[in-house]
Amino acid sequence: MKVAFSDKFLLRVESLSGKILKSVLLSIKEVEAANSISEITNCKKLNGYKNIYRIRIGDYRAIFLFHIRIEKNTVFFEFLVPRGQVYDKNMKQKLRRIDKS
């Protein structure tokens, strides 16, 4: 699959180090090598959204939008946030806004 990244996602990845950084990079490589969402380890569709998924990477969650276009699958990594932040009210509002666009 094709992958793309938001600036927020890239800034968070740059701030990581050690084991968690390696885990994030491995997850991205796994997504690139996958032929479908079902092949991605620890990936789950978030309830209440059409195109938003998360990948569990230790205590972090990589939030992404999955867009299916003619002939191409694109995974757009939007956020990389700590587990507790994924489910707060502000994040849910951001995800709803993104899911509609």
PDB file of N, CA and C in Angstrom:
ATOM      1  N   MET A   1       0.834  -1.176   0.000  1.00  0.00           N
ATOM      2  CA  MET A   1       0.000   0.000   0.000  1.00  0.00           C
ATOM      3  C   MET A   1       0.881   1.242   0.000  1.00  0.00           C
ATOM      4  N   LYS A   2       0.313   2.314  -0.515  1.00  0.00           N
ATOM      5  CA  LYS A   2       1.005   3.600  -0.460  1.00  0.00           C
ATOM      6  C   LYS A   2       0.782   4.206   0.922  1.00  0.00           C
ATOM      7  N   VAL A   3       1.777   4.913   1.414  1.00  0.00           N
ATOM      8  CA  VAL A   3       1.639   5.606   2.699  1.00  0.00           C
ATOM      9  C   VAL A   3       1.987   7.078   2.527  1.00  0.00           C
ATOM     10  N   ALA A   4       1.327   7.902   3.331  1.00  0.00           N
ATOM     11  CA  ALA A   4       1.599   9.336   3.380  1.00  0.00           C
ATOM     12  C   ALA A   4       1.489   9.755   4.838  1.00  0.00           C
ATOM     13  N   PHE A   5       2.081  10.896   5.176  1.00  0.00           N
ATOM     14  CA  PHE A   5       2.159  11.316   6.571  1.00  0.00           C
ATOM     15  C   PHE A   5       1.786  12.782   6.718  1.00  0.00           C
ATOM     16  N   SER A   6       1.091  13.100   7.799  1.00  0.00           N
ATOM     17  CA  SER A   6       0.839  14.500   8.137  1.00  0.00           C
ATOM     18  C   SER A   6       2.094  15.065   8.801  1.00  0.00           C
ATOM     19  N   ASP A   7       2.190  16.376   8.817  1.00  0.00           N
ATOM     20  CA  ASP A   7       3.327  17.024   9.489  1.00  0.00           C
ATOM     21  C   ASP A   7       3.336  16.705  10.986  1.00  0.00           C
ATOM     22  N   LYS A   8       2.143  16.641  11.602  1.00  0.00           N
ATOM     23  CA  LYS A   8       2.042  16.331  13.034  1.00  0.00           C
ATOM     24  C   LYS A   8       2.590  14.938  13.326  1.00  0.00           C
ATOM     25  N   PHE A   9       2.261  13.999  12.467  1.00  0.00           N
ATOM     26  CA  PHE A   9       2.749  12.636  12.643  1.00  0.00           C
ATOM     27  C   PHE A   9       4.272  12.607  12.557  1.00  0.00           C
ATOM     28  N   LEU A  10       4.823  13.262  11.539  1.00  0.00           N
ATOM     29  CA  LEU A  10       6.278  13.261  11.358  1.00  0.00           C
ATOM     30  C   LEU A  10       7.009  13.931  12.511  1.00  0.00           C
ATOM     31  N   LEU A  11       6.453  15.021  13.032  1.00  0.00           N
ATOM     32  CA  LEU A  11       7.079  15.683  14.187  1.00  0.00           C
ATOM     33  C   LEU A  11       7.108  14.769  15.398  1.00  0.00           C
ATOM     34  N   ARG A  12       6.029  14.035  15.623  1.00  0.00           N
ATOM     35  CA  ARG A  12       5.986  13.113  16.770  1.00  0.00           C
ATOM     36  C   ARG A  12       7.010  11.994  16.589  1.00  0.00           C
ATOM     37  N   VAL A  13       7.103  11.453  15.386  1.00  0.00           N
ATOM     38  CA  VAL A  13       8.064  10.377  15.128  1.00  0.00           C
ATOM     39  C   VAL A  13       9.489  10.873  15.359  1.00  0.00           C
ATOM     40  N   GLU A  14       9.789  12.092  14.927  1.00  0.00           N
ATOM     41  CA  GLU A  14      11.129  12.647  15.118  1.00  0.00           C
ATOM     42  C   GLU A  14      11.478  12.823  16.593  1.00  0.00           C
ATOM     43  N   SER A  15      10.462  12.992  17.437  1.00  0.00           N
ATOM     44  CA  SER A  15      10.726  13.186  18.872  1.00  0.00           C
ATOM     45  C   SER A  15      10.935  11.860  19.609  1.00  0.00           C
ATOM     46  N   LEU A  16      10.660  10.743  18.955  1.00  0.00           N
ATOM     47  CA  LEU A  16      10.800   9.430  19.591  1.00  0.00           C
ATOM     48  C   LEU A  16      12.236   8.944  19.518  1.00  0.00           C
ATOM     49  N   SER A  17      12.529   7.959  20.363  1.00  0.00           N
ATOM     50  CA  SER A  17      13.846   7.325  20.309  1.00  0.00           C
ATOM     51  C   SER A  17      13.727   5.895  20.807  1.00  0.00           C
ATOM     52  N   GLY A  18      14.780   5.159  20.614  1.00  0.00           N
ATOM     53  CA  GLY A  18      14.873   3.813  21.158  1.00  0.00           C
ATOM     54  C   GLY A  18      13.865   2.821  20.607  1.00  0.00           C
ATOM     55  N   LYS A  19      13.365   2.011  21.496  1.00  0.00           N
ATOM     56  CA  LYS A  19      12.497   0.890  21.134  1.00  0.00           C
ATOM     57  C   LYS A  19      11.191   1.346  20.482  1.00  0.00           C
ATOM     58  N   ILE A  20      10.590   2.405  20.982  1.00  0.00           N
ATOM     59  CA  ILE A  20       9.313   2.852  20.423  1.00  0.00           C
ATOM     60  C   ILE A  20       9.504   3.378  19.002  1.00  0.00           C
ATOM     61  N   LEU A  21      10.617   4.056  18.734  1.00  0.00           N
ATOM     62  CA  LEU A  21      10.899   4.530  17.378  1.00  0.00           C
ATOM     63  C   LEU A  21      11.042   3.351  16.424  1.00  0.00           C
ATOM     64  N   LYS A  22      11.785   2.337  16.836  1.00  0.00           N
ATOM     65  CA  LYS A  22      11.938   1.138  16.008  1.00  0.00           C
ATOM     66  C   LYS A  22      10.589   0.481  15.740  1.00  0.00           C
ATOM     67  N   SER A  23       9.741   0.427  16.752  1.00  0.00           N
ATOM     68  CA  SER A  23       8.422  -0.182  16.598  1.00  0.00           C
ATOM     69  C   SER A  23       7.556   0.593  15.607  1.00  0.00           C
ATOM     70  N   VAL A  24       7.616   1.919  15.670  1.00  0.00           N
ATOM     71  CA  VAL A  24       6.840   2.748  14.740  1.00  0.00           C
ATOM     72  C   VAL A  24       7.331   2.527  13.314  1.00  0.00           C
ATOM     73  N   LEU A  25       8.634   2.538  13.121  1.00  0.00           N
ATOM     74  CA  LEU A  25       9.196   2.343  11.783  1.00  0.00           C
ATOM     75  C   LEU A  25       8.861   0.959  11.230  1.00  0.00           C
ATOM     76  N   LEU A  26       8.896  -0.054  12.087  1.00  0.00           N
ATOM     77  CA  LEU A  26       8.506  -1.403  11.653  1.00  0.00           C
ATOM     78  C   LEU A  26       7.029  -1.455  11.259  1.00  0.00           C
ATOM     79  N   SER A  27       6.193  -0.767  12.000  1.00  0.00           N
ATOM     80  CA  SER A  27       4.764  -0.734  11.679  1.00  0.00           C
ATOM     81  C   SER A  27       4.518  -0.068  10.332  1.00  0.00           C
ATOM     82  N   ILE A  28       5.247   1.006  10.065  1.00  0.00           N
ATOM     83  CA  ILE A  28       5.097   1.693   8.776  1.00  0.00           C
ATOM     84  C   ILE A  28       5.527   0.779   7.631  1.00  0.00           C
ATOM     85  N   LYS A  29       6.646   0.080   7.817  1.00  0.00           N
ATOM     86  CA  LYS A  29       7.101  -0.865   6.790  1.00  0.00           C
ATOM     87  C   LYS A  29       6.083  -1.986   6.578  1.00  0.00           C
ATOM     88  N   GLU A  30       5.469  -2.437   7.664  1.00  0.00           N
ATOM     89  CA  GLU A  30       4.460  -3.483   7.560  1.00  0.00           C
ATOM     90  C   GLU A  30       3.263  -2.994   6.749  1.00  0.00           C
ATOM     91  N   VAL A  31       2.849  -1.756   6.959  1.00  0.00           N
ATOM     92  CA  VAL A  31       1.727  -1.186   6.205  1.00  0.00           C
ATOM     93  C   VAL A  31       2.086  -1.095   4.724  1.00  0.00           C
ATOM     94  N   GLU A  32       3.298  -0.659   4.433  1.00  0.00           N
ATOM     95  CA  GLU A  32       3.731  -0.565   3.032  1.00  0.00           C
ATOM     96  C   GLU A  32       3.718  -1.922   2.338  1.00  0.00           C
ATOM     97  N   ALA A  33       4.063  -2.961   3.071  1.00  0.00           N
ATOM     98  CA  ALA A  33       4.131  -4.298   2.493  1.00  0.00           C
ATOM     99  C   ALA A  33       2.767  -4.990   2.421  1.00  0.00           C
ATOM    100  N   ALA A  34       1.800  -4.500   3.169  1.00  0.00           N
ATOM    101  CA  ALA A  34       0.483  -5.145   3.231  1.00  0.00           C
ATOM    102  C   ALA A  34      -0.313  -4.912   1.945  1.00  0.00           C
ATOM    103  N   ASN A  35      -1.137  -5.891   1.628  1.00  0.00           N
ATOM    104  CA  ASN A  35      -2.036  -5.766   0.485  1.00  0.00           C
ATOM    105  C   ASN A  35      -3.432  -5.344   0.908  1.00  0.00           C
ATOM    106  N   SER A  36      -3.736  -5.502   2.196  1.00  0.00           N
ATOM    107  CA  SER A  36      -5.049  -5.100   2.710  1.00  0.00           C
ATOM    108  C   SER A  36      -4.920  -4.741   4.184  1.00  0.00           C
ATOM    109  N   ILE A  37      -5.926  -4.077   4.701  1.00  0.00           N
ATOM    110  CA  ILE A  37      -5.946  -3.676   6.114  1.00  0.00           C
ATOM    111  C   ILE A  37      -5.859  -4.896   7.032  1.00  0.00           C
ATOM    112  N   SER A  38      -6.484  -5.984   6.641  1.00  0.00           N
ATOM    113  CA  SER A  38      -6.508  -7.178   7.490  1.00  0.00           C
ATOM    114  C   SER A  38      -5.125  -7.786   7.710  1.00  0.00           C
ATOM    115  N   GLU A  39      -4.157  -7.441   6.886  1.00  0.00           N
ATOM    116  CA  GLU A  39      -2.799  -7.964   7.030  1.00  0.00           C
ATOM    117  C   GLU A  39      -1.940  -7.163   8.016  1.00  0.00           C
ATOM    118  N   ILE A  40      -2.449  -6.045   8.526  1.00  0.00           N
ATOM    119  CA  ILE A  40      -1.669  -5.180   9.418  1.00  0.00           C
ATOM    120  C   ILE A  40      -1.881  -5.621  10.869  1.00  0.00           C
ATOM    121  N   THR A  41      -0.796  -5.917  11.564  1.00  0.00           N
ATOM    122  CA  THR A  41      -0.839  -6.366  12.951  1.00  0.00           C
ATOM    123  C   THR A  41      -1.338  -5.251  13.864  1.00  0.00           C
ATOM    124  N   ASN A  42      -2.194  -5.624  14.822  1.00  0.00           N
ATOM    125  CA  ASN A  42      -2.732  -4.696  15.833  1.00  0.00           C
ATOM    126  C   ASN A  42      -3.483  -3.513  15.237  1.00  0.00           C
ATOM    127  N   CYS A  43      -4.085  -3.715  14.083  1.00  0.00           N
ATOM    128  CA  CYS A  43      -4.856  -2.671  13.424  1.00  0.00           C
ATOM    129  C   CYS A  43      -6.334  -2.901  13.690  1.00  0.00           C
ATOM    130  N   LYS A  44      -7.031  -1.813  13.985  1.00  0.00           N
ATOM    131  CA  LYS A  44      -8.447  -1.912  14.308  1.00  0.00           C
ATOM    132  C   LYS A  44      -9.167  -0.674  13.781  1.00  0.00           C
ATOM    133  N   LYS A  45     -10.335  -0.877  13.197  1.00  0.00           N
ATOM    134  CA  LYS A  45     -11.158   0.244  12.752  1.00  0.00           C
ATOM    135  C   LYS A  45     -11.808   0.857  13.983  1.00  0.00           C
ATOM    136  N   LEU A  46     -11.788   2.190  14.071  1.00  0.00           N
ATOM    137  CA  LEU A  46     -12.407   2.857  15.208  1.00  0.00           C
ATOM    138  C   LEU A  46     -13.919   2.920  15.002  1.00  0.00           C
ATOM    139  N   ASN A  47     -14.664   2.575  16.033  1.00  0.00           N
ATOM    140  CA  ASN A  47     -16.125   2.588  15.960  1.00  0.00           C
ATOM    141  C   ASN A  47     -16.645   3.995  15.711  1.00  0.00           C
ATOM    142  N   GLY A  48     -17.643   4.112  14.861  1.00  0.00           N
ATOM    143  CA  GLY A  48     -18.278   5.390  14.600  1.00  0.00           C
ATOM    144  C   GLY A  48     -17.643   6.198  13.481  1.00  0.00           C
ATOM    145  N   TYR A  49     -16.637   5.644  12.815  1.00  0.00           N
ATOM    146  CA  TYR A  49     -15.953   6.347  11.731  1.00  0.00           C
ATOM    147  C   TYR A  49     -15.962   5.474  10.478  1.00  0.00           C
ATOM    148  N   LYS A  50     -15.932   6.124   9.315  1.00  0.00           N
ATOM    149  CA  LYS A  50     -15.944   5.381   8.053  1.00  0.00           C
ATOM    150  C   LYS A  50     -14.561   4.906   7.633  1.00  0.00           C
ATOM    151  N   ASN A  51     -13.566   5.767   7.752  1.00  0.00           N
ATOM    152  CA  ASN A  51     -12.248   5.480   7.185  1.00  0.00           C
ATOM    153  C   ASN A  51     -11.098   5.629   8.166  1.00  0.00           C
ATOM    154  N   ILE A  52     -11.368   5.624   9.462  1.00  0.00           N
ATOM    155  CA  ILE A  52     -10.306   5.870  10.435  1.00  0.00           C
ATOM    156  C   ILE A  52      -9.977   4.586  11.199  1.00  0.00           C
ATOM    157  N   TYR A  53      -8.681   4.289  11.248  1.00  0.00           N
ATOM    158  CA  TYR A  53      -8.160   3.093  11.900  1.00  0.00           C
ATOM    159  C   TYR A  53      -7.056   3.502  12.864  1.00  0.00           C
ATOM    160  N   ARG A  54      -6.687   2.566  13.728  1.00  0.00           N
ATOM    161  CA  ARG A  54      -5.548   2.791  14.611  1.00  0.00           C
ATOM    162  C   ARG A  54      -4.693   1.534  14.653  1.00  0.00           C
ATOM    163  N   ILE A  55      -3.408   1.754  14.831  1.00  0.00           N
ATOM    164  CA  ILE A  55      -2.470   0.648  15.031  1.00  0.00           C
ATOM    165  C   ILE A  55      -1.890   0.824  16.426  1.00  0.00           C
ATOM    166  N   ARG A  56      -1.961  -0.224  17.213  1.00  0.00           N
ATOM    167  CA  ARG A  56      -1.402  -0.179  18.569  1.00  0.00           C
ATOM    168  C   ARG A  56       0.088  -0.459  18.486  1.00  0.00           C
ATOM    169  N   ILE A  57       0.875   0.477  19.012  1.00  0.00           N
ATOM    170  CA  ILE A  57       2.338   0.350  19.038  1.00  0.00           C
ATOM    171  C   ILE A  57       2.768   0.651  20.465  1.00  0.00           C
ATOM    172  N   GLY A  58       2.810  -0.349  21.315  1.00  0.00           N
ATOM    173  CA  GLY A  58       3.133  -0.150  22.716  1.00  0.00           C
ATOM    174  C   GLY A  58       2.090   0.741  23.373  1.00  0.00           C
ATOM    175  N   ASP A  59       2.532   1.814  24.025  1.00  0.00           N
ATOM    176  CA  ASP A  59       1.618   2.751  24.664  1.00  0.00           C
ATOM    177  C   ASP A  59       1.147   3.844  23.704  1.00  0.00           C
ATOM    178  N   TYR A  60       1.548   3.765  22.447  1.00  0.00           N
ATOM    179  CA  TYR A  60       1.140   4.755  21.449  1.00  0.00           C
ATOM    180  C   TYR A  60       0.109   4.161  20.505  1.00  0.00           C
ATOM    181  N   ARG A  61      -0.633   5.058  19.853  1.00  0.00           N
ATOM    182  CA  ARG A  61      -1.590   4.660  18.833  1.00  0.00           C
ATOM    183  C   ARG A  61      -1.312   5.496  17.589  1.00  0.00           C
ATOM    184  N   ALA A  62      -1.105   4.820  16.469  1.00  0.00           N
ATOM    185  CA  ALA A  62      -0.952   5.513  15.195  1.00  0.00           C
ATOM    186  C   ALA A  62      -2.346   5.567  14.576  1.00  0.00           C
ATOM    187  N   ILE A  63      -2.855   6.754  14.370  1.00  0.00           N
ATOM    188  CA  ILE A  63      -4.185   6.951  13.808  1.00  0.00           C
ATOM    189  C   ILE A  63      -4.019   7.250  12.331  1.00  0.00           C
ATOM    190  N   PHE A  64      -4.771   6.533  11.495  1.00  0.00           N
ATOM    191  CA  PHE A  64      -4.650   6.801  10.075  1.00  0.00           C
ATOM    192  C   PHE A  64      -5.990   6.741   9.373  1.00  0.00           C
ATOM    193  N   LEU A  65      -6.043   7.409   8.235  1.00  0.00           N
ATOM    194  CA  LEU A  65      -7.191   7.363   7.350  1.00  0.00           C
ATOM    195  C   LEU A  65      -6.841   6.410   6.231  1.00  0.00           C
ATOM    196  N   PHE A  66      -7.793   5.593   5.854  1.00  0.00           N
ATOM    197  CA  PHE A  66      -7.577   4.662   4.756  1.00  0.00           C
ATOM    198  C   PHE A  66      -8.471   5.095   3.615  1.00  0.00           C
ATOM    199  N   HIS A  67      -7.854   5.540   2.537  1.00  0.00           N
ATOM    200  CA  HIS A  67      -8.595   5.987   1.365  1.00  0.00           C
ATOM    201  C   HIS A  67      -8.416   4.962   0.260  1.00  0.00           C
ATOM    202  N   ILE A  68      -9.519   4.536  -0.286  1.00  0.00           N
ATOM    203  CA  ILE A  68      -9.461   3.616  -1.417  1.00  0.00           C
ATOM    204  C   ILE A  68      -9.791   4.426  -2.660  1.00  0.00           C
ATOM    205  N   ARG A  69      -8.854   4.470  -3.552  1.00  0.00           N
ATOM    206  CA  ARG A  69      -9.070   5.138  -4.829  1.00  0.00           C
ATOM    207  C   ARG A  69      -8.969   4.093  -5.924  1.00  0.00           C
ATOM    208  N   ILE A  70      -9.401   4.453  -7.083  1.00  0.00           N
ATOM    209  CA  ILE A  70      -9.315   3.519  -8.203  1.00  0.00           C
ATOM    210  C   ILE A  70      -7.857   3.133  -8.407  1.00  0.00           C
ATOM    211  N   GLU A  71      -7.588   1.854  -8.350  1.00  0.00           N
ATOM    212  CA  GLU A  71      -6.278   1.243  -8.574  1.00  0.00           C
ATOM    213  C   GLU A  71      -5.252   1.456  -7.467  1.00  0.00           C
ATOM    214  N   LYS A  72      -5.499   2.358  -6.496  1.00  0.00           N
ATOM    215  CA  LYS A  72      -4.463   2.624  -5.488  1.00  0.00           C
ATOM    216  C   LYS A  72      -5.072   2.663  -4.091  1.00  0.00           C
ATOM    217  N   ASN A  73      -4.394   2.039  -3.151  1.00  0.00           N
ATOM    218  CA  ASN A  73      -4.757   2.117  -1.736  1.00  0.00           C
ATOM    219  C   ASN A  73      -3.762   3.051  -1.064  1.00  0.00           C
ATOM    220  N   THR A  74      -4.273   4.010  -0.315  1.00  0.00           N
ATOM    221  CA  THR A  74      -3.402   4.953   0.371  1.00  0.00           C
ATOM    222  C   THR A  74      -3.715   4.975   1.859  1.00  0.00           C
ATOM    223  N   VAL A  75      -2.696   4.826   2.668  1.00  0.00           N
ATOM    224  CA  VAL A  75      -2.828   4.958   4.116  1.00  0.00           C
ATOM    225  C   VAL A  75      -2.187   6.292   4.476  1.00  0.00           C
ATOM    226  N   PHE A  76      -2.986   7.199   5.046  1.00  0.00           N
ATOM    227  CA  PHE A  76      -2.487   8.513   5.440  1.00  0.00           C
ATOM    228  C   PHE A  76      -2.398   8.562   6.956  1.00  0.00           C
ATOM    229  N   PHE A  77      -1.174   8.513   7.474  1.00  0.00           N
ATOM    230  CA  PHE A  77      -0.956   8.575   8.916  1.00  0.00           C
ATOM    231  C   PHE A  77      -1.157  10.008   9.378  1.00  0.00           C
ATOM    232  N   GLU A  78      -2.164  10.219  10.215  1.00  0.00           N
ATOM    233  CA  GLU A  78      -2.541  11.558  10.661  1.00  0.00           C
ATOM    234  C   GLU A  78      -1.932  11.895  12.021  1.00  0.00           C
ATOM    235  N   PHE A  79      -2.078  11.005  12.995  1.00  0.00           N
ATOM    236  CA  PHE A  79      -1.633  11.278  14.366  1.00  0.00           C
ATOM    237  C   PHE A  79      -0.868  10.083  14.924  1.00  0.00           C
ATOM    238  N   LEU A  80       0.070  10.366  15.811  1.00  0.00           N
ATOM    239  CA  LEU A  80       0.726   9.362  16.642  1.00  0.00           C
ATOM    240  C   LEU A  80       0.641   9.908  18.052  1.00  0.00           C
ATOM    241  N   VAL A  81      -0.236   9.326  18.858  1.00  0.00           N
ATOM    242  CA  VAL A  81      -0.519   9.888  20.182  1.00  0.00           C
ATOM    243  C   VAL A  81      -0.490   8.800  21.244  1.00  0.00           C
ATOM    244  N   PRO A  82      -0.232   9.200  22.502  1.00  0.00           N
ATOM    245  CA  PRO A  82      -0.311   8.236  23.601  1.00  0.00           C
ATOM    246  C   PRO A  82      -1.725   7.660  23.711  1.00  0.00           C
ATOM    247  N   ARG A  83      -1.815   6.467  24.208  1.00  0.00           N
ATOM    248  CA  ARG A  83      -3.067   5.725  24.275  1.00  0.00           C
ATOM    249  C   ARG A  83      -4.217   6.531  24.872  1.00  0.00           C
ATOM    250  N   GLY A  84      -4.015   7.171  26.002  1.00  0.00           N
ATOM    251  CA  GLY A  84      -5.081   7.899  26.672  1.00  0.00           C
ATOM    252  C   GLY A  84      -5.603   9.078  25.874  1.00  0.00           C
ATOM    253  N   GLN A  85      -4.747   9.679  25.075  1.00  0.00           N
ATOM    254  CA  GLN A  85      -5.145  10.855  24.300  1.00  0.00           C
ATOM    255  C   GLN A  85      -6.044  10.497  23.114  1.00  0.00           C
ATOM    256  N   VAL A  86      -5.948   9.284  22.615  1.00  0.00           N
ATOM    257  CA  VAL A  86      -6.746   8.877  21.454  1.00  0.00           C
ATOM    258  C   VAL A  86      -8.235   8.969  21.741  1.00  0.00           C
ATOM    259  N   TYR A  87      -8.623   8.671  22.956  1.00  0.00           N
ATOM    260  CA  TYR A  87     -10.039   8.536  23.272  1.00  0.00           C
ATOM    261  C   TYR A  87     -10.626   9.747  23.990  1.00  0.00           C
ATOM    262  N   ASP A  88      -9.875  10.867  24.067  1.00  0.00           N
ATOM    263  CA  ASP A  88     -10.444  12.042  24.722  1.00  0.00           C
ATOM    264  C   ASP A  88     -11.343  12.824  23.765  1.00  0.00           C
ATOM    265  N   LYS A  89     -12.096  13.740  24.320  1.00  0.00           N
ATOM    266  CA  LYS A  89     -13.129  14.468  23.577  1.00  0.00           C
ATOM    267  C   LYS A  89     -12.544  15.281  22.416  1.00  0.00           C
ATOM    268  N   ASN A  90     -11.433  15.972  22.643  1.00  0.00           N
ATOM    269  CA  ASN A  90     -10.832  16.792  21.593  1.00  0.00           C
ATOM    270  C   ASN A  90     -10.377  15.961  20.407  1.00  0.00           C
ATOM    271  N   MET A  91      -9.775  14.802  20.683  1.00  0.00           N
ATOM    272  CA  MET A  91      -9.308  13.941  19.599  1.00  0.00           C
ATOM    273  C   MET A  91     -10.493  13.390  18.807  1.00  0.00           C
ATOM    274  N   LYS A  92     -11.558  13.020  19.495  1.00  0.00           N
ATOM    275  CA  LYS A  92     -12.739  12.510  18.793  1.00  0.00           C
ATOM    276  C   LYS A  92     -13.307  13.561  17.852  1.00  0.00           C
ATOM    277  N   GLN A  93     -13.320  14.825  18.277  1.00  0.00           N
ATOM    278  CA  GLN A  93     -13.802  15.905  17.411  1.00  0.00           C
ATOM    279  C   GLN A  93     -12.905  16.066  16.185  1.00  0.00           C
ATOM    280  N   LYS A  94     -11.593  16.000  16.377  1.00  0.00           N
ATOM    281  CA  LYS A  94     -10.659  16.105  15.251  1.00  0.00           C
ATOM    282  C   LYS A  94     -10.872  14.961  14.277  1.00  0.00           C
ATOM    283  N   LEU A  95     -11.043  13.754  14.814  1.00  0.00           N
ATOM    284  CA  LEU A  95     -11.220  12.587  13.947  1.00  0.00           C
ATOM    285  C   LEU A  95     -12.521  12.660  13.155  1.00  0.00           C
ATOM    286  N   ARG A  96     -13.601  13.135  13.787  1.00  0.00           N
ATOM    287  CA  ARG A  96     -14.874  13.286  13.074  1.00  0.00           C
ATOM    288  C   ARG A  96     -14.740  14.289  11.934  1.00  0.00           C
ATOM    289  N   ARG A  97     -14.045  15.389  12.190  1.00  0.00           N
ATOM    290  CA  ARG A  97     -13.849  16.414  11.178  1.00  0.00           C
ATOM    291  C   ARG A  97     -13.040  15.854   9.994  1.00  0.00           C
ATOM    292  N   ILE A  98     -12.015  15.101  10.295  1.00  0.00           N
ATOM    293  CA  ILE A  98     -11.166  14.511   9.252  1.00  0.00           C
ATOM    294  C   ILE A  98     -11.920  13.430   8.477  1.00  0.00           C
ATOM    295  N   ASP A  99     -12.721  12.651   9.173  1.00  0.00           N
ATOM    296  CA  ASP A  99     -13.441  11.542   8.544  1.00  0.00           C
ATOM    297  C   ASP A  99     -14.469  12.051   7.534  1.00  0.00           C
ATOM    298  N   LYS A 100     -14.990  13.241   7.730  1.00  0.00           N
ATOM    299  CA  LYS A 100     -15.991  13.808   6.829  1.00  0.00           C
ATOM    300  C   LYS A 100     -15.372  14.351   5.553  1.00  0.00           C
ATOM    301  N   SER A 101     -14.101  14.733   5.606  1.00  0.00           N
ATOM    302  CA  SER A 101     -13.476  15.343   4.423  1.00  0.00           C
ATOM    303  C   SER A 101     -13.017  14.319   3.422  1.00  0.00           C
TER     304      SER A 101
END
